[in-house]
Amino acid sequence: MDMTETTLYSVSEAAKILGVHPNTLRKWDNEGIANALRLPGGNHRRFTKAELERLARLLETEAK
């Protein structure tokens, strides 16, 4: 993956896009449901657009 052209979203940005609470995303990441990237030098999570699209499809499926 070429990270120079990949937009990364913070937990709060990703949560707003998906319509869930930031703690929900953190929980999903801890449980292996979501796949967050961890930035070097800290425990900051970031989500790719592709991961957000995958999670949105999961949420859509659960809503049906």
Protein backbone atom coordinates (compact mmCIF):
# COMPACT_ATOMS: atom_id res chain seq x y z
CA MET A 1 0.00 0.00 0.00
CA ASP A 2 1.40 3.38 -1.00
CA MET A 3 0.86 5.46 2.13
CA THR A 4 1.77 8.73 0.38
CA GLU A 5 -1.55 8.63 -1.49
CA THR A 6 -3.72 7.10 1.21
CA THR A 7 -5.99 9.30 3.30
CA LEU A 8 -6.07 8.22 6.93
CA TYR A 9 -8.94 9.09 9.24
CA SER A 10 -8.69 9.55 13.00
CA VAL A 11 -11.03 7.65 15.31
CA SER A 12 -13.26 10.69 15.73
CA GLU A 13 -13.39 11.38 11.97
CA ALA A 14 -14.11 7.73 11.18
CA ALA A 15 -16.79 7.52 13.87
CA LYS A 16 -18.53 10.61 12.47
CA ILE A 17 -18.47 9.16 8.94
CA LEU A 18 -19.89 5.84 10.13
CA GLY A 19 -22.39 7.35 12.58
CA VAL A 20 -21.05 5.50 15.62
CA HIS A 21 -19.41 6.60 18.85
CA PRO A 22 -15.59 6.77 18.83
CA ASN A 23 -15.47 4.25 21.67
CA THR A 24 -17.38 1.81 19.46
CA LEU A 25 -14.60 1.98 16.88
CA ARG A 26 -11.95 1.50 19.56
CA LYS A 27 -13.84 -1.53 20.87
CA TRP A 28 -14.20 -2.99 17.35
CA ASP A 29 -10.47 -2.52 16.82
CA ASN A 30 -9.64 -4.22 20.13
CA GLU A 31 -11.98 -7.12 19.23
CA GLY A 32 -10.56 -7.48 15.71
CA ILE A 33 -13.77 -6.39 13.96
CA ALA A 34 -12.12 -3.22 12.64
CA ASN A 35 -8.56 -3.00 11.37
CA ALA A 36 -6.98 0.26 12.45
CA LEU A 37 -3.46 1.26 11.62
CA ARG A 38 -1.29 2.32 14.55
CA LEU A 39 0.94 5.34 14.06
CA PRO A 40 4.57 5.04 15.15
CA GLY A 41 5.46 6.76 18.40
CA GLY A 42 2.08 6.40 20.03
CA ASN A 43 -1.10 4.46 20.25
CA HIS A 44 -3.01 6.60 17.77
CA ARG A 45 -5.36 4.67 15.50
CA ARG A 46 -6.06 5.62 11.91
CA PHE A 47 -8.51 4.12 9.44
CA THR A 48 -8.18 3.92 5.68
CA LYS A 49 -11.03 4.80 3.34
CA ALA A 50 -11.21 1.15 2.27
CA GLU A 51 -11.61 0.04 5.90
CA LEU A 52 -14.37 2.59 6.47
CA GLU A 53 -16.17 1.35 3.37
CA ARG A 54 -15.89 -2.24 4.65
CA LEU A 55 -17.25 -1.26 8.06
CA ALA A 56 -20.09 0.70 6.43
CA ARG A 57 -21.09 -2.44 4.50
CA LEU A 58 -21.09 -4.43 7.75
CA LEU A 59 -23.30 -1.84 9.42
CA GLU A 60 -25.63 -1.86 6.42
CA THR A 61 -25.92 -5.65 6.55
CA GLU A 62 -26.71 -5.57 10.29
CA ALA A 63 -29.40 -2.94 9.75
CA LYS A 64 -31.31 -5.20 7.37
